[in-house]
Amino acid sequence: MKIGLVSPYDYSHPGGVCNHVSFLAHHLQSMGNEVKIIAPLRKKGTTYFGEEVTAVGRPLPIHYGGTTARIPLSPWLPYQVRRVLDKENFDILHLHEPFIPMLCLSALTESQAINVGTFHAYHERSLVYWLGQPFLRKLGHRLHGKIAVSRPAQTYVSKYVPGDYHIIPNGVDTQHYKVDGPVRQEFKDGKLNILFVGRLEERKGVGDLIRACGVVKKSFPNFRLIIAGPGIRLRGYYEMLARTLLDDHAVFT
């Protein structure tokens, strides 16, 4: 089969949805399918995962829901998407966050294939989804299959677009993260190493982890918190570590 995977987010920037799409693409290819990834790129030919991507749109940083989404916003996107879909003639089009403007919305509107949507996000509420309910419910009928990566994600999206959602959690290619080289010597000193990997923003839980480690330190001080990931609030987390007396227990890498 020929399968198109559509990500609404900048594929040259690390993120959970792009990770999911990358691992899914490799798995589907290993099963003998032809797979093409369609996504916006900040710079053509440059992807975070080193894969070939059909670039559609130039992403712009949009601040929403406690995070920064890098998505394309252009009146030319529907035309660009239609041209790609006509050329590729997919059997299945798998859209990730299908209601995110404008790439996924355009792809779902223009698609003549079997359409599958995977919903990743969770928020307490969404004014945009609430206002757009009539349009989104109509568009939701174009999805032949609906997937949510978790029960909270299902609860969130089904409030606005009811339907039969299958819960399929995010898969992780453990071989991708397999360590081939030696463990860094400075981390082999007998301390318990706690590793956080992800974007440094509050909704990812790094603040909760720091506060929890502040409590743990009182009864078990022999540990090290290793924090790895990009973010614009780095100074704020340094200050949080100082307030919880963890500045000598944490390493940013």
Protein backbone atom coordinates (compact mmCIF):
# COMPACT_ATOMS: atom_id res chain seq x y z
CA MET A 1 0.00 0.00 0.00
CA LYS A 2 0.98 3.60 -0.45
CA ILE A 3 0.55 5.52 2.79
CA GLY A 4 0.86 9.23 3.43
CA LEU A 5 1.67 10.46 6.93
CA VAL A 6 0.81 14.10 7.56
CA SER A 7 2.31 16.07 10.45
CA PRO A 8 1.12 19.65 11.06
CA TYR A 9 4.31 20.57 12.92
CA ASP A 10 7.74 21.68 11.74
CA TYR A 11 9.61 18.49 10.89
CA SER A 12 12.98 20.16 11.33
CA HIS A 13 12.24 20.69 15.03
CA PRO A 14 12.12 17.95 17.70
CA GLY A 15 8.71 17.11 19.09
CA GLY A 16 6.50 14.25 20.21
CA VAL A 17 4.23 14.15 17.16
CA CYS A 18 7.17 14.23 14.74
CA ASN A 19 8.83 11.44 16.74
CA HIS A 20 5.64 9.41 16.51
CA VAL A 21 5.40 9.95 12.74
CA SER A 22 9.06 9.03 12.26
CA PHE A 23 8.83 5.74 14.15
CA LEU A 24 5.52 4.87 12.51
CA ALA A 25 6.96 5.52 9.04
CA HIS A 26 9.91 3.20 9.67
CA HIS A 27 7.63 0.48 11.03
CA LEU A 28 5.20 0.68 8.11
CA GLN A 29 8.10 0.60 5.66
CA SER A 30 9.50 -2.50 7.36
CA MET A 31 6.16 -4.18 6.61
CA GLY A 32 6.60 -3.54 2.89
CA ASN A 33 4.52 -0.39 2.49
CA GLU A 34 5.52 2.68 0.52
CA VAL A 35 5.40 5.61 2.93
CA LYS A 36 5.69 9.34 2.31
CA ILE A 37 5.83 11.99 5.04
CA ILE A 38 4.17 15.36 4.39
CA ALA A 39 5.06 18.15 6.80
CA PRO A 40 6.14 21.79 6.98
CA LEU A 41 9.86 22.48 7.08
CA ARG A 42 11.64 25.58 8.27
CA LYS A 43 14.39 24.84 5.78
CA LYS A 44 13.92 22.43 2.90
CA GLY A 45 16.19 19.42 2.96
CA THR A 46 16.82 19.76 6.71
CA THR A 47 14.90 17.41 8.99
CA TYR A 48 15.52 16.63 12.62
CA PHE A 49 15.23 12.91 11.91
CA GLY A 50 17.24 12.81 8.68
CA GLU A 51 14.33 11.51 6.60
CA GLU A 52 13.06 12.53 3.20
CA VAL A 53 10.03 14.74 3.68
CA THR A 54 7.66 16.32 1.18
CA ALA A 55 7.76 19.89 2.45
CA VAL A 56 4.49 21.81 2.38
CA GLY A 57 4.42 25.25 3.95
CA ARG A 58 6.81 27.26 6.06
CA PRO A 59 6.15 26.94 9.80
CA LEU A 60 5.59 29.92 12.06
CA PRO A 61 5.82 29.83 15.88
CA ILE A 62 2.34 30.07 17.40
CA HIS A 63 2.06 30.27 21.20
CA TYR A 64 -0.96 28.30 22.43
CA GLY A 65 -1.91 26.14 25.41
CA GLY A 66 1.37 26.59 27.27
CA THR A 67 3.54 25.55 24.35
CA THR A 68 4.81 26.81 21.00
CA ALA A 69 3.40 25.11 17.92
CA ARG A 70 5.35 25.62 14.70
CA ILE A 71 2.72 25.34 11.99
CA PRO A 72 2.27 26.80 8.49
CA LEU A 73 -0.35 29.49 7.89
CA SER A 74 -0.74 30.43 4.24
CA PRO A 75 -3.66 30.93 1.83
CA TRP A 76 -1.68 28.86 -0.70
CA LEU A 77 -1.61 25.71 1.43
CA PRO A 78 -4.81 24.11 0.05
CA TYR A 79 -3.43 24.42 -3.48
CA GLN A 80 -0.03 23.01 -2.44
CA VAL A 81 -1.66 20.12 -0.58
CA ARG A 82 -3.98 19.31 -3.49
CA ARG A 83 -1.01 19.18 -5.86
CA VAL A 84 0.88 16.75 -3.59
CA LEU A 85 -2.13 14.48 -3.06
CA ASP A 86 -2.93 14.37 -6.78
CA LYS A 87 0.67 13.43 -7.54
CA GLU A 88 1.03 10.73 -4.86
CA ASN A 89 -2.45 9.13 -5.10
CA PHE A 90 -2.25 7.54 -1.62
CA ASP A 91 -4.29 4.50 -0.62
CA ILE A 92 -4.33 5.69 3.00
CA LEU A 93 -3.75 9.18 4.37
CA HIS A 94 -2.88 9.19 8.08
CA LEU A 95 -3.25 12.66 9.58
CA HIS A 96 -1.77 13.52 12.96
CA GLU A 97 -3.83 16.14 14.80
CA PRO A 98 -6.15 16.39 11.78
CA PHE A 99 -7.92 19.52 13.02
CA ILE A 100 -4.75 21.61 13.40
CA PRO A 101 -4.67 24.40 10.78
CA MET A 102 -3.84 24.65 8.06
CA LEU A 103 -1.88 21.72 6.64
CA CYS A 104 -3.87 18.86 8.17
CA LEU A 105 -7.21 20.60 7.69
CA SER A 106 -6.39 21.15 4.03
CA ALA A 107 -5.20 17.56 3.58
CA LEU A 108 -8.35 16.13 5.16
CA THR A 109 -10.55 18.37 3.02
CA GLU A 110 -8.75 17.52 -0.23
CA SER A 111 -8.07 13.81 0.37
CA GLN A 112 -9.65 11.16 -1.86
CA ALA A 113 -8.00 8.31 0.09
CA ILE A 114 -9.02 6.34 3.17
CA ASN A 115 -8.44 8.86 5.98
CA VAL A 116 -7.18 7.97 9.45
CA GLY A 117 -6.71 10.57 12.17
CA THR A 118 -4.57 10.29 15.29
CA PHE A 119 -5.21 12.74 18.12
CA HIS A 120 -2.30 13.40 20.48
CA ALA A 121 -3.21 16.48 22.51
CA TYR A 122 -5.02 17.03 25.78
CA HIS A 123 -6.27 20.32 27.20
CA GLU A 124 -8.91 21.06 29.80
CA ARG A 125 -10.85 22.98 27.17
CA SER A 126 -10.40 24.63 23.78
CA LEU A 127 -12.14 27.83 22.73
CA VAL A 128 -11.09 27.20 19.13
CA TYR A 129 -12.57 23.69 19.10
CA TRP A 130 -15.72 24.91 20.86
CA LEU A 131 -16.30 27.71 18.35
CA GLY A 132 -15.49 25.43 15.43
CA GLN A 133 -17.63 22.46 16.53
CA PRO A 134 -20.12 22.52 13.62
CA PHE A 135 -17.33 22.66 11.04
CA LEU A 136 -15.13 20.10 12.83
CA ARG A 137 -17.99 17.61 13.29
CA LYS A 138 -18.75 17.82 9.58
CA LEU A 139 -15.08 17.38 8.76
CA GLY A 140 -14.81 14.52 11.26
CA HIS A 141 -17.09 12.44 9.05
CA ARG A 142 -14.28 12.36 6.49
CA LEU A 143 -12.19 10.33 8.93
CA HIS A 144 -12.73 6.63 8.31
CA GLY A 145 -10.75 5.78 11.45
CA LYS A 146 -10.09 7.77 14.62
CA ILE A 147 -7.21 7.06 17.01
CA ALA A 148 -6.34 8.70 20.34
CA VAL A 149 -2.96 8.07 21.93
CA SER A 150 -4.43 8.06 25.45
CA ARG A 151 -7.70 8.10 27.35
CA PRO A 152 -7.30 11.84 28.20
CA ALA A 153 -6.69 12.63 24.52
CA GLN A 154 -9.84 10.70 23.62
CA THR A 155 -11.87 12.50 26.30
CA TYR A 156 -10.62 15.88 25.08
CA VAL A 157 -11.36 15.51 21.37
CA SER A 158 -14.62 13.56 21.76
CA LYS A 159 -16.14 16.47 23.71
CA TYR A 160 -16.13 18.43 20.46
CA VAL A 161 -16.19 15.68 17.82
CA PRO A 162 -17.93 12.56 19.17
CA GLY A 163 -17.19 9.23 17.55
CA ASP A 164 -15.65 5.80 17.89
CA TYR A 165 -12.03 6.36 18.93
CA HIS A 166 -9.51 3.55 19.24
CA ILE A 167 -6.84 4.12 21.89
CA ILE A 168 -3.38 3.22 20.59
CA PRO A 169 -0.56 4.58 22.78
CA ASN A 170 2.56 6.14 21.34
CA GLY A 171 5.08 3.51 20.30
CA VAL A 172 8.79 3.95 20.92
CA ASP A 173 11.58 2.38 18.89
CA THR A 174 13.84 1.31 21.75
CA GLN A 175 16.69 0.54 19.35
CA HIS A 176 16.74 4.21 18.38
CA TYR A 177 17.68 5.13 21.96
CA LYS A 178 20.04 2.23 22.55
CA VAL A 179 23.38 3.40 23.94
CA ASP A 180 26.29 2.02 21.92
CA GLY A 181 29.07 3.93 23.66
CA PRO A 182 30.27 3.87 27.26
CA VAL A 183 28.37 5.55 30.08
CA ARG A 184 29.79 8.98 30.92
CA GLN A 185 32.27 8.55 33.76
CA GLU A 186 31.00 11.53 35.75
CA PHE A 187 27.67 9.73 36.13
CA LYS A 188 29.25 6.53 37.49
CA ASP A 189 29.86 7.67 41.04
CA GLY A 190 27.29 5.55 42.88
CA LYS A 191 24.49 8.11 42.75
CA LEU A 192 21.04 7.23 41.44
CA ASN A 193 20.65 9.01 38.08
CA ILE A 194 17.19 10.36 37.20
CA LEU A 195 16.91 11.43 33.55
CA PHE A 196 14.36 13.84 32.08
CA VAL A 197 14.26 14.10 28.27
CA GLY A 198 11.88 16.56 26.62
CA ARG A 199 11.13 20.17 25.87
CA LEU A 200 11.61 22.37 28.91
CA GLU A 201 8.10 23.69 29.35
CA GLU A 202 5.79 23.36 32.31
CA ARG A 203 3.20 21.13 30.63
CA LYS A 204 5.88 18.49 29.97
CA GLY A 205 6.26 18.04 33.73
CA VAL A 206 9.85 19.10 34.34
CA GLY A 207 8.68 21.53 37.03
CA ASP A 208 6.74 18.76 38.78
CA LEU A 209 9.82 16.53 38.63
CA ILE A 210 12.02 19.22 40.20
CA ARG A 211 9.51 19.79 43.00
CA ALA A 212 9.22 16.03 43.60
CA CYS A 213 13.00 15.69 43.77
CA GLY A 214 13.03 18.45 46.38
CA VAL A 215 10.83 16.23 48.56
CA VAL A 216 12.81 13.06 47.80
CA LYS A 217 16.06 14.77 48.78
CA LYS A 218 14.97 15.00 52.41
CA SER A 219 15.01 11.21 52.83
CA PHE A 220 17.25 10.12 49.93
CA PRO A 221 19.87 12.73 49.02
CA ASN A 222 22.18 10.45 47.01
CA PHE A 223 20.77 11.10 43.53
CA ARG A 224 21.41 13.23 40.48
CA LEU A 225 18.77 14.83 38.24
CA ILE A 226 19.89 14.99 34.60
CA ILE A 227 17.77 17.29 32.42
CA ALA A 228 18.11 17.11 28.63
CA GLY A 229 16.06 19.15 26.18
CA PRO A 230 15.53 22.54 24.54
CA GLY A 231 13.42 25.33 26.01
CA ILE A 232 13.06 29.05 26.52
CA ARG A 233 12.47 28.85 30.29
CA LEU A 234 15.90 27.57 31.24
CA ARG A 235 16.59 30.43 33.64
CA GLY A 236 13.28 29.80 35.40
CA TYR A 237 14.21 26.17 36.04
CA TYR A 238 17.63 27.18 37.38
CA GLU A 239 15.82 29.45 39.85
CA MET A 240 13.43 26.62 40.79
CA LEU A 241 16.37 24.33 41.48
CA ALA A 242 17.89 26.97 43.75
CA ARG A 243 14.61 27.42 45.65
CA THR A 244 14.32 23.68 46.23
CA LEU A 245 18.02 23.46 47.21
CA LEU A 246 18.70 21.14 44.26
CA ASP A 247 21.20 23.24 42.34
CA ASP A 248 24.00 20.88 43.43
CA HIS A 249 21.90 17.81 42.51
CA ALA A 250 21.02 18.72 38.91
CA VAL A 251 22.84 18.73 35.57
CA PHE A 252 21.58 20.27 32.32
CA THR A 253 22.90 18.54 29.22
